[in-house]
Amino acid sequence: MAVTEPDEHEIKPASSITNFSTRDGFPWWLLIMLGIIGWMVLLVLTSDEYQEAFTEIIPGLGATLRLTVAAFVVSMVLGVFLGIARMSERPWVNTPATVYIEFIRGVPMIVFVFAVALMIIPESIKAFNGWFGTEIKTRSVSNIWRGGVALSLFYAAFIAEVVRAGIQSVPVGQIEAGKALGLSGRQVMRRITLPQAIRNTLPALGNDLIALMKDTSLVSVIAAAELTYNARIYQGSSFRVRETFFILMVIYVTLTLLLSLALRMIESRMETPRRLSSQERIFARGAMAIGAVAIGWLFFGFPFFGIG
């Protein structure tokens, strides 16, 4: 009986970065990235100019993280519904979903931010006041809120396409088996199709999350006080271009690296289907709770968070 030799050129899974073994090879790129981050930390600790720039920029980190988490959760919910609607056989369901997705995908992100912040939200408030007799003022809607709405609506279109591709990747035989067992169409979608679709699309969803985090910098154009806005304000007042944008770049690189490592670890854990342990269920519920709090923080401005 012949023994098959392992292929030296076999493509490694994306999660191999988290396995620091000799077989996968040492991740030298990660060491270089950590060296760059360490260099920034050293400059902040030893240079007054870099320390001042870091102190002025880093307060925007909270807004960046809130925008990322809240916008991704909202866009995920909208994206799932849009993806399912686009696959519907009813024209009155799939046509509006298709128009929305294709329209959003044809608009540059920065243009969409301006449109939502300066046109859609003010006009929606005027229409709402006219219909219900309220007196909501446009100025009462914060720029962070407007930026969050723009990011949510924009990325919902892209996540819808990811979800649609994930649903189509589920074998038809499993769907037919579910129907043969007497499950309704909704039960098949909820219990068979969607769980597998989300798992299949996890890498793509992770890429969208990272892209969304970086695109939060675009809401600085509407004066939303996140990292990039703080950096622009500090650079404009101090004229320290090198210190400002080096620190800003390294902060975004650090956030991207942490998200990438976390997502690859999750992918590694999901390679083998299994039942979640009690600790993992607690962690999942905690993550959902954090997402819910982030949405409240961004969209409702709970007073106990100190946000007006």
Protein backbone atom coordinates (compact mmCIF):
# COMPACT_ATOMS: atom_id res chain seq x y z
CA MET A 1 0.00 0.00 0.00
CA ALA A 2 1.52 3.31 -1.12
CA VAL A 3 1.98 6.06 1.40
CA THR A 4 1.09 9.52 0.17
CA GLU A 5 3.74 12.08 0.97
CA PRO A 6 2.53 15.44 2.28
CA ASP A 7 2.55 18.24 -0.22
CA GLU A 8 5.15 20.85 0.68
CA HIS A 9 3.20 23.48 -1.24
CA GLU A 10 -0.08 22.81 0.52
CA ILE A 11 -1.97 26.00 1.31
CA LYS A 12 -2.12 26.58 5.03
CA PRO A 13 -5.33 27.74 6.69
CA ALA A 14 -5.68 31.40 7.55
CA SER A 15 -5.59 30.54 11.23
CA SER A 16 -2.03 29.21 11.01
CA ILE A 17 -0.74 32.53 12.25
CA THR A 18 -1.91 31.64 15.73
CA ASN A 19 -0.03 28.34 15.72
CA PHE A 20 3.60 29.20 16.39
CA SER A 21 4.93 25.79 15.43
CA THR A 22 8.00 24.82 13.41
CA ARG A 23 5.81 23.18 10.77
CA ASP A 24 3.97 26.41 9.98
CA GLY A 25 7.12 28.50 10.21
CA PHE A 26 7.83 31.39 12.51
CA PRO A 27 5.71 34.47 11.65
CA TRP A 28 8.53 36.91 10.98
CA TRP A 29 6.11 39.49 9.64
CA LEU A 30 4.36 39.53 12.99
CA LEU A 31 7.68 40.14 14.73
CA ILE A 32 8.37 43.09 12.42
CA MET A 33 4.91 44.53 13.06
CA LEU A 34 5.41 44.23 16.80
CA GLY A 35 8.78 45.95 16.38
CA ILE A 36 7.11 48.92 14.67
CA ILE A 37 4.52 49.15 17.44
CA GLY A 38 7.28 48.91 20.04
CA TRP A 39 9.13 51.70 18.24
CA MET A 40 6.10 53.96 18.58
CA VAL A 41 5.79 53.13 22.27
CA LEU A 42 9.46 53.97 22.76
CA LEU A 43 9.05 57.31 20.97
CA VAL A 44 6.02 58.19 23.07
CA LEU A 45 7.91 57.39 26.25
CA THR A 46 11.11 59.23 25.32
CA SER A 47 10.00 62.16 23.16
CA ASP A 48 7.90 65.07 24.40
CA GLU A 49 6.62 65.81 20.88
CA TYR A 50 5.41 62.24 20.29
CA GLN A 51 3.98 62.03 23.79
CA GLU A 52 1.99 65.22 23.27
CA ALA A 53 0.69 63.99 19.91
CA PHE A 54 -0.31 60.63 21.37
CA THR A 55 -2.09 62.33 24.27
CA GLU A 56 -4.11 64.49 21.88
CA ILE A 57 -5.03 61.68 19.47
CA ILE A 58 -5.79 58.71 21.72
CA PRO A 59 -9.01 60.11 23.31
CA GLY A 60 -10.69 59.42 19.95
CA LEU A 61 -10.08 55.68 20.34
CA GLY A 62 -13.30 55.22 22.31
CA ALA A 63 -15.40 56.78 19.55
CA THR A 64 -13.62 54.68 16.92
CA LEU A 65 -14.31 51.44 18.79
CA ARG A 66 -17.94 52.39 19.48
CA LEU A 67 -18.49 53.20 15.83
CA THR A 68 -16.87 49.94 14.75
CA VAL A 69 -18.83 47.65 17.07
CA ALA A 70 -22.20 49.36 16.79
CA ALA A 71 -22.06 49.89 13.02
CA PHE A 72 -20.95 46.29 12.42
CA VAL A 73 -23.72 44.82 14.58
CA VAL A 74 -26.39 46.95 12.88
CA SER A 75 -25.01 46.28 9.39
CA MET A 76 -24.91 42.55 10.15
CA VAL A 77 -28.61 42.52 11.06
CA LEU A 78 -29.57 44.60 8.03
CA GLY A 79 -27.23 42.59 5.79
CA VAL A 80 -28.77 39.25 6.77
CA PHE A 81 -32.27 40.49 5.95
CA LEU A 82 -31.12 42.10 2.69
CA GLY A 83 -29.23 38.96 1.65
CA ILE A 84 -32.26 36.76 2.27
CA ALA A 85 -34.56 39.26 0.55
CA ARG A 86 -32.37 39.34 -2.54
CA MET A 87 -32.70 35.56 -2.87
CA SER A 88 -36.48 35.69 -2.59
CA GLU A 89 -38.54 34.52 -5.56
CA ARG A 90 -41.05 37.32 -4.98
CA PRO A 91 -40.23 40.36 -7.19
CA TRP A 92 -41.66 42.82 -4.67
CA VAL A 93 -39.13 41.51 -2.12
CA ASN A 94 -35.95 40.95 -4.12
CA THR A 95 -36.26 44.03 -6.37
CA PRO A 96 -36.00 46.66 -3.57
CA ALA A 97 -33.17 44.70 -1.93
CA THR A 98 -31.27 44.45 -5.23
CA VAL A 99 -31.75 48.16 -5.96
CA TYR A 100 -30.49 49.11 -2.48
CA ILE A 101 -27.42 46.85 -2.68
CA GLU A 102 -26.41 47.89 -6.20
CA PHE A 103 -27.02 51.59 -5.49
CA ILE A 104 -24.94 51.62 -2.31
CA ARG A 105 -22.12 49.66 -3.95
CA GLY A 106 -21.95 52.31 -6.67
CA VAL A 107 -21.45 55.25 -4.29
CA PRO A 108 -18.05 56.17 -2.80
CA MET A 109 -17.99 55.85 0.97
CA ILE A 110 -17.03 59.46 1.65
CA VAL A 111 -19.83 60.72 -0.62
CA PHE A 112 -22.31 58.51 1.21
CA VAL A 113 -21.15 59.87 4.58
CA PHE A 114 -21.81 63.43 3.39
CA ALA A 115 -25.19 62.43 1.92
CA VAL A 116 -26.39 60.72 5.11
CA ALA A 117 -25.07 63.37 7.51
CA LEU A 118 -26.06 66.48 5.58
CA MET A 119 -29.06 65.39 3.51
CA ILE A 120 -30.77 62.12 4.50
CA ILE A 121 -30.85 62.60 8.28
CA PRO A 122 -31.97 66.31 8.18
CA GLU A 123 -34.67 65.53 5.61
CA SER A 124 -35.81 62.49 7.58
CA ILE A 125 -36.12 64.60 10.73
CA LYS A 126 -38.19 67.20 8.88
CA ALA A 127 -40.50 64.51 7.51
CA PHE A 128 -40.81 62.88 10.94
CA ASN A 129 -41.69 66.22 12.56
CA GLY A 130 -44.30 66.87 9.88
CA TRP A 131 -45.94 63.46 10.25
CA PHE A 132 -46.02 63.21 14.03
CA GLY A 133 -46.00 66.85 15.08
CA THR A 134 -42.72 66.55 17.01
CA GLU A 135 -40.05 69.25 17.30
CA ILE A 136 -36.82 67.32 16.96
CA LYS A 137 -33.96 69.63 15.99
CA THR A 138 -31.42 68.58 13.41
CA ARG A 139 -28.58 69.90 15.57
CA SER A 140 -29.57 67.53 18.37
CA VAL A 141 -28.33 64.60 16.26
CA SER A 142 -24.61 64.24 17.01
CA ASN A 143 -22.01 63.76 14.31
CA ILE A 144 -21.03 60.41 15.83
CA TRP A 145 -24.63 59.25 15.46
CA ARG A 146 -24.72 60.42 11.83
CA GLY A 147 -21.43 58.69 11.08
CA GLY A 148 -22.67 55.48 12.68
CA VAL A 149 -25.83 55.51 10.57
CA ALA A 150 -23.80 56.07 7.40
CA LEU A 151 -21.39 53.22 8.17
CA SER A 152 -24.25 50.86 9.09
CA LEU A 153 -26.27 51.54 5.94
CA PHE A 154 -23.20 51.40 3.70
CA TYR A 155 -21.74 48.13 4.97
CA ALA A 156 -25.14 46.45 5.14
CA ALA A 157 -25.07 46.27 1.33
CA PHE A 158 -21.68 44.53 1.26
CA ILE A 159 -22.53 42.14 4.09
CA ALA A 160 -25.77 41.26 2.26
CA GLU A 161 -23.72 40.00 -0.69
CA VAL A 162 -21.49 38.00 1.66
CA VAL A 163 -24.53 36.44 3.32
CA ARG A 164 -26.09 35.64 -0.06
CA ALA A 165 -22.92 33.89 -1.17
CA GLY A 166 -22.81 31.98 2.10
CA ILE A 167 -26.40 30.80 1.73
CA GLN A 168 -25.73 29.64 -1.83
CA SER A 169 -22.68 27.69 -0.59
CA VAL A 170 -24.85 25.41 1.58
CA PRO A 171 -25.43 22.08 -0.23
CA VAL A 172 -28.92 21.80 -1.72
CA GLY A 173 -29.20 18.26 -0.40
CA GLN A 174 -29.19 19.48 3.20
CA ILE A 175 -31.98 21.94 2.47
CA GLU A 176 -34.03 19.26 0.76
CA ALA A 177 -33.39 16.88 3.66
CA GLY A 178 -34.74 19.48 6.07
CA LYS A 179 -37.89 19.90 3.99
CA ALA A 180 -38.26 16.12 3.80
CA LEU A 181 -38.27 16.03 7.61
CA GLY A 182 -41.27 18.35 7.63
CA LEU A 183 -39.50 21.63 8.39
CA SER A 184 -40.99 24.78 6.94
CA GLY A 185 -39.00 27.14 4.74
CA ARG A 186 -38.35 29.49 7.66
CA GLN A 187 -37.24 26.63 9.91
CA VAL A 188 -34.85 25.35 7.24
CA MET A 189 -33.39 28.82 6.84
CA ARG A 190 -33.07 29.40 10.59
CA ARG A 191 -31.83 25.95 11.69
CA ILE A 192 -29.93 24.59 8.68
CA THR A 193 -29.00 27.24 6.14
CA LEU A 194 -28.09 30.35 8.14
CA PRO A 195 -25.83 28.65 10.76
CA GLN A 196 -23.74 27.06 7.99
CA ALA A 197 -23.81 30.22 5.87
CA ILE A 198 -22.49 32.39 8.71
CA ARG A 199 -19.75 29.88 9.41
CA ASN A 200 -18.75 29.72 5.74
CA THR A 201 -18.66 33.50 5.46
CA LEU A 202 -16.73 34.16 8.68
CA PRO A 203 -13.45 35.08 6.90
CA ALA A 204 -15.28 37.50 4.59
CA LEU A 205 -17.22 39.01 7.49
CA GLY A 206 -13.95 39.42 9.37
CA ASN A 207 -12.52 41.33 6.41
CA ASP A 208 -15.59 43.57 6.38
CA LEU A 209 -15.18 44.22 10.11
CA ILE A 210 -11.56 45.27 9.64
CA ALA A 211 -12.45 47.43 6.63
CA LEU A 212 -15.27 49.06 8.60
CA MET A 213 -12.92 49.84 11.47
CA LYS A 214 -10.53 51.60 9.09
CA ASP A 215 -13.36 53.41 7.33
CA THR A 216 -14.44 55.00 10.61
CA SER A 217 -11.66 57.48 9.79
CA LEU A 218 -13.87 58.85 7.00
CA VAL A 219 -16.44 60.21 9.44
CA SER A 220 -13.82 62.77 10.45
CA VAL A 221 -15.01 64.79 7.44
CA ILE A 222 -18.23 65.57 9.34
CA ALA A 223 -16.30 66.53 12.50
CA ALA A 224 -16.99 63.30 14.39
CA ALA A 225 -14.42 63.26 17.19
CA GLU A 226 -12.67 59.95 16.51
CA LEU A 227 -8.98 59.17 16.02
CA THR A 228 -8.46 60.76 12.60
CA TYR A 229 -10.41 63.91 13.49
CA ASN A 230 -8.33 64.40 16.64
CA ALA A 231 -5.15 63.89 14.60
CA ARG A 232 -6.22 66.46 12.00
CA ILE A 233 -7.09 69.01 14.66
CA TYR A 234 -3.76 68.50 16.47
CA GLN A 235 -1.73 68.62 13.24
CA GLY A 236 -3.49 71.79 12.15
CA SER A 237 -2.70 73.55 15.42
CA SER A 238 0.84 72.24 16.01
CA PHE A 239 2.07 71.65 12.41
CA ARG A 240 3.73 68.43 13.60
CA VAL A 241 2.95 66.28 10.59
CA ARG A 242 5.51 63.52 11.20
CA GLU A 243 4.59 62.84 14.83
CA THR A 244 0.85 63.10 14.22
CA PHE A 245 0.44 60.74 11.29
CA PHE A 246 3.08 58.23 12.37
CA ILE A 247 1.23 57.71 15.64
CA LEU A 248 -2.13 57.62 13.86
CA MET A 249 -0.93 54.98 11.38
CA VAL A 250 0.54 52.77 14.09
CA ILE A 251 -2.66 52.98 16.16
CA TYR A 252 -4.72 51.76 13.19
CA VAL A 253 -2.16 49.05 12.42
CA THR A 254 -2.33 47.88 16.04
CA LEU A 255 -6.13 47.72 15.98
CA THR A 256 -6.08 45.87 12.65
CA LEU A 257 -3.49 43.39 13.92
CA LEU A 258 -5.46 42.65 17.09
CA LEU A 259 -8.67 42.14 15.12
CA SER A 260 -6.92 39.88 12.60
CA LEU A 261 -5.41 37.68 15.29
CA ALA A 262 -8.73 37.44 17.16
CA LEU A 263 -10.62 36.51 13.99
CA ARG A 264 -8.07 33.87 12.99
CA MET A 265 -8.26 32.31 16.42
CA ILE A 266 -12.05 32.16 16.07
CA GLU A 267 -11.69 30.56 12.64
CA SER A 268 -9.32 27.99 14.12
CA ARG A 269 -11.81 27.11 16.85
CA MET A 270 -14.61 26.75 14.32
CA GLU A 271 -12.73 24.42 11.97
CA THR A 272 -14.16 21.43 13.83
CA PRO A 273 -17.92 21.60 14.55
CA ARG A 274 -18.65 21.00 18.20
CA ARG A 275 -20.98 22.03 20.97
CA LEU A 276 -20.03 25.19 22.84
CA SER A 277 -18.85 24.76 26.41
CA SER A 278 -20.52 26.64 29.24
CA GLN A 279 -17.60 29.09 29.40
CA GLU A 280 -17.85 29.76 25.67
CA ARG A 281 -21.59 30.32 25.90
CA ILE A 282 -21.00 32.84 28.70
CA PHE A 283 -18.37 34.55 26.56
CA ALA A 284 -20.72 34.67 23.55
CA ARG A 285 -23.52 36.16 25.64
CA GLY A 286 -21.08 38.69 27.06
CA ALA A 287 -19.99 39.66 23.55
CA MET A 288 -23.63 40.12 22.53
CA ALA A 289 -24.25 42.24 25.61
CA ILE A 290 -21.23 44.41 24.80
CA GLY A 291 -22.56 44.85 21.26
CA ALA A 292 -25.98 45.87 22.60
CA VAL A 293 -24.40 48.38 24.99
CA ALA A 294 -22.31 49.77 22.14
CA ILE A 295 -25.43 50.29 20.05
CA GLY A 296 -27.10 52.10 22.93
CA TRP A 297 -23.97 54.15 23.48
CA LEU A 298 -23.88 55.27 19.87
CA PHE A 299 -27.52 55.57 18.87
CA PHE A 300 -29.29 56.55 22.09
CA GLY A 301 -26.62 58.38 24.12
CA PHE A 302 -27.44 56.79 27.50
CA PRO A 303 -26.88 59.42 30.21
CA PHE A 304 -24.94 57.03 32.44
CA PHE A 305 -22.28 56.89 29.71
CA GLY A 306 -21.94 60.66 29.86
CA ILE A 307 -22.87 61.13 26.20
CA GLY A 308 -25.21 63.88 25.23
